[in-house]
Amino acid sequence: MILTYLLIGVIFTLFIDVIINLLSNNNSFPNNVEWGNLERIFCILLWPMALVIFIGSFLVKYFNL
């Protein structure tokens, strides 16, 4: 059960890492945002909260709210 939770967190963090790399390569992402190992560990452990924040930010940006 715990391994499943952590595996989902690792996959979600990998997804976020890929998005950050793609956006930073297209100059669509601010350069002052740091995504280090500490942030990755917190994202793996707290992925449900990170997922809610990601979806909320995506919807606000997509619908220009």
N, C-alpha and C. Protein backbone atom coordinates (compact mmCIF):
# COMPACT_ATOMS: atom_id res chain seq x y z
N MET A 1 0.82 -1.18 0.00
CA MET A 1 0.00 0.00 0.00
C MET A 1 0.87 1.26 0.00
N ILE A 2 1.86 1.30 0.85
CA ILE A 2 2.74 2.46 0.92
C ILE A 2 3.60 2.54 -0.35
N LEU A 3 4.02 1.39 -0.85
CA LEU A 3 4.82 1.40 -2.08
C LEU A 3 4.01 1.93 -3.26
N THR A 4 2.73 1.61 -3.31
CA THR A 4 1.87 2.11 -4.37
C THR A 4 1.74 3.63 -4.29
N TYR A 5 1.55 4.13 -3.07
CA TYR A 5 1.46 5.57 -2.85
C TYR A 5 2.74 6.26 -3.32
N LEU A 6 3.89 5.71 -2.94
CA LEU A 6 5.17 6.31 -3.34
C LEU A 6 5.41 6.19 -4.84
N LEU A 7 5.00 5.08 -5.44
CA LEU A 7 5.16 4.90 -6.88
C LEU A 7 4.33 5.92 -7.65
N ILE A 8 3.10 6.16 -7.21
CA ILE A 8 2.28 7.19 -7.85
C ILE A 8 2.94 8.55 -7.69
N GLY A 9 3.52 8.81 -6.51
CA GLY A 9 4.21 10.07 -6.29
C GLY A 9 5.42 10.23 -7.19
N VAL A 10 6.17 9.17 -7.40
CA VAL A 10 7.34 9.22 -8.30
C VAL A 10 6.89 9.48 -9.74
N ILE A 11 5.84 8.82 -10.17
CA ILE A 11 5.34 9.02 -11.55
C ILE A 11 4.82 10.44 -11.72
N PHE A 12 4.08 10.94 -10.74
CA PHE A 12 3.57 12.31 -10.81
C PHE A 12 4.71 13.32 -10.83
N THR A 13 5.71 13.11 -9.99
CA THR A 13 6.86 14.02 -9.94
C THR A 13 7.63 13.98 -11.25
N LEU A 14 7.77 12.81 -11.86
CA LEU A 14 8.41 12.71 -13.17
C LEU A 14 7.62 13.49 -14.21
N PHE A 15 6.30 13.41 -14.16
CA PHE A 15 5.43 14.14 -15.07
C PHE A 15 5.65 15.65 -14.91
N ILE A 16 5.68 16.14 -13.69
CA ILE A 16 5.89 17.55 -13.42
C ILE A 16 7.29 17.97 -13.88
N ASP A 17 8.27 17.13 -13.65
CA ASP A 17 9.65 17.43 -14.06
C ASP A 17 9.75 17.56 -15.58
N VAL A 18 9.07 16.69 -16.32
CA VAL A 18 9.08 16.75 -17.78
C VAL A 18 8.40 18.03 -18.25
N ILE A 19 7.29 18.40 -17.63
CA ILE A 19 6.59 19.63 -18.01
C ILE A 19 7.48 20.84 -17.76
N ILE A 20 8.15 20.87 -16.61
CA ILE A 20 9.05 22.00 -16.31
C ILE A 20 10.17 22.08 -17.33
N ASN A 21 10.75 20.95 -17.70
CA ASN A 21 11.82 20.96 -18.71
C ASN A 21 11.32 21.43 -20.07
N LEU A 22 10.14 20.97 -20.48
CA LEU A 22 9.60 21.40 -21.77
C LEU A 22 9.29 22.89 -21.79
N LEU A 23 8.69 23.39 -20.72
CA LEU A 23 8.35 24.81 -20.67
C LEU A 23 9.59 25.69 -20.56
N SER A 24 10.60 25.23 -19.83
CA SER A 24 11.81 26.05 -19.72
C SER A 24 12.59 26.07 -21.03
N ASN A 25 12.50 25.02 -21.82
CA ASN A 25 13.16 25.01 -23.12
C ASN A 25 12.47 25.92 -24.12
N ASN A 26 11.15 26.14 -23.94
CA ASN A 26 10.38 27.01 -24.83
C ASN A 26 10.32 28.44 -24.32
N ASN A 27 11.05 28.74 -23.25
CA ASN A 27 11.04 30.06 -22.62
C ASN A 27 9.64 30.47 -22.17
N SER A 28 8.80 29.50 -21.83
CA SER A 28 7.45 29.77 -21.33
C SER A 28 7.39 29.67 -19.82
N PHE A 29 8.52 29.47 -19.19
CA PHE A 29 8.59 29.22 -17.76
C PHE A 29 9.58 30.20 -17.15
N PRO A 30 9.25 30.81 -16.01
CA PRO A 30 10.20 31.75 -15.40
C PRO A 30 11.52 31.06 -15.03
N ASN A 31 12.62 31.73 -15.25
CA ASN A 31 13.93 31.15 -14.97
C ASN A 31 14.27 31.12 -13.50
N ASN A 32 13.57 31.90 -12.68
CA ASN A 32 13.91 31.98 -11.27
C ASN A 32 13.27 30.87 -10.43
N VAL A 33 12.53 29.97 -11.03
CA VAL A 33 11.89 28.87 -10.30
C VAL A 33 12.89 27.72 -10.19
N GLU A 34 13.15 27.31 -8.97
CA GLU A 34 14.09 26.20 -8.75
C GLU A 34 13.30 24.92 -8.45
N TRP A 35 13.73 23.83 -9.02
CA TRP A 35 13.09 22.53 -8.81
C TRP A 35 14.22 21.57 -8.45
N GLY A 36 14.54 21.52 -7.16
CA GLY A 36 15.65 20.71 -6.68
C GLY A 36 15.17 19.40 -6.08
N ASN A 37 16.09 18.69 -5.48
CA ASN A 37 15.77 17.39 -4.90
C ASN A 37 14.82 17.49 -3.72
N LEU A 38 14.94 18.55 -2.92
CA LEU A 38 14.04 18.72 -1.79
C LEU A 38 12.59 18.89 -2.26
N GLU A 39 12.39 19.68 -3.31
CA GLU A 39 11.05 19.86 -3.86
C GLU A 39 10.52 18.56 -4.44
N ARG A 40 11.39 17.79 -5.08
CA ARG A 40 10.97 16.50 -5.63
C ARG A 40 10.55 15.53 -4.52
N ILE A 41 11.28 15.51 -3.43
CA ILE A 41 10.94 14.62 -2.31
C ILE A 41 9.59 15.02 -1.72
N PHE A 42 9.39 16.33 -1.52
CA PHE A 42 8.09 16.78 -1.01
C PHE A 42 6.97 16.46 -1.98
N CYS A 43 7.22 16.58 -3.27
CA CYS A 43 6.19 16.26 -4.26
C CYS A 43 5.87 14.78 -4.26
N ILE A 44 6.87 13.93 -4.06
CA ILE A 44 6.62 12.49 -3.99
C ILE A 44 5.79 12.15 -2.76
N LEU A 45 6.12 12.78 -1.63
CA LEU A 45 5.42 12.46 -0.39
C LEU A 45 4.03 13.11 -0.30
N LEU A 46 3.88 14.27 -0.90
CA LEU A 46 2.62 15.01 -0.79
C LEU A 46 1.94 15.16 -2.15
N TRP A 47 2.02 14.13 -2.99
CA TRP A 47 1.53 14.24 -4.35
C TRP A 47 0.03 14.52 -4.45
N PRO A 48 -0.84 14.07 -3.53
CA PRO A 48 -2.26 14.43 -3.70
C PRO A 48 -2.48 15.95 -3.61
N MET A 49 -1.80 16.60 -2.68
CA MET A 49 -1.92 18.04 -2.55
C MET A 49 -1.29 18.73 -3.77
N ALA A 50 -0.17 18.23 -4.24
CA ALA A 50 0.48 18.80 -5.42
C ALA A 50 -0.40 18.63 -6.66
N LEU A 51 -1.12 17.53 -6.74
CA LEU A 51 -2.01 17.29 -7.88
C LEU A 51 -3.17 18.28 -7.87
N VAL A 52 -3.73 18.56 -6.70
CA VAL A 52 -4.82 19.53 -6.59
C VAL A 52 -4.33 20.92 -6.99
N ILE A 53 -3.14 21.30 -6.54
CA ILE A 53 -2.57 22.60 -6.89
C ILE A 53 -2.30 22.67 -8.39
N PHE A 54 -1.79 21.59 -8.97
CA PHE A 54 -1.50 21.56 -10.41
C PHE A 54 -2.78 21.71 -11.21
N ILE A 55 -3.81 20.96 -10.88
CA ILE A 55 -5.07 21.03 -11.62
C ILE A 55 -5.71 22.41 -11.47
N GLY A 56 -5.69 22.95 -10.26
CA GLY A 56 -6.24 24.28 -10.05
C GLY A 56 -5.51 25.34 -10.85
N SER A 57 -4.20 25.30 -10.85
CA SER A 57 -3.41 26.27 -11.61
C SER A 57 -3.63 26.11 -13.11
N PHE A 58 -3.74 24.87 -13.55
CA PHE A 58 -3.98 24.62 -14.97
C PHE A 58 -5.32 25.19 -15.40
N LEU A 59 -6.36 24.95 -14.61
CA LEU A 59 -7.69 25.44 -14.97
C LEU A 59 -7.75 26.97 -14.96
N VAL A 60 -7.10 27.59 -13.98
CA VAL A 60 -7.08 29.05 -13.92
C VAL A 60 -6.38 29.61 -15.15
N LYS A 61 -5.26 29.03 -15.53
CA LYS A 61 -4.51 29.51 -16.69
C LYS A 61 -5.27 29.21 -17.99
N TYR A 62 -5.87 28.04 -18.09
CA TYR A 62 -6.56 27.63 -19.32
C TYR A 62 -7.80 28.48 -19.58
N PHE A 63 -8.57 28.76 -18.54
CA PHE A 63 -9.80 29.52 -18.69
C PHE A 63 -9.62 31.00 -18.40
N ASN A 64 -8.39 31.45 -18.17
CA ASN A 64 -8.07 32.86 -17.92
C ASN A 64 -8.93 33.46 -16.81
N LEU A 65 -9.02 32.76 -15.71
CA LEU A 65 -9.83 33.24 -14.57
C LEU A 65 -9.09 34.24 -13.74
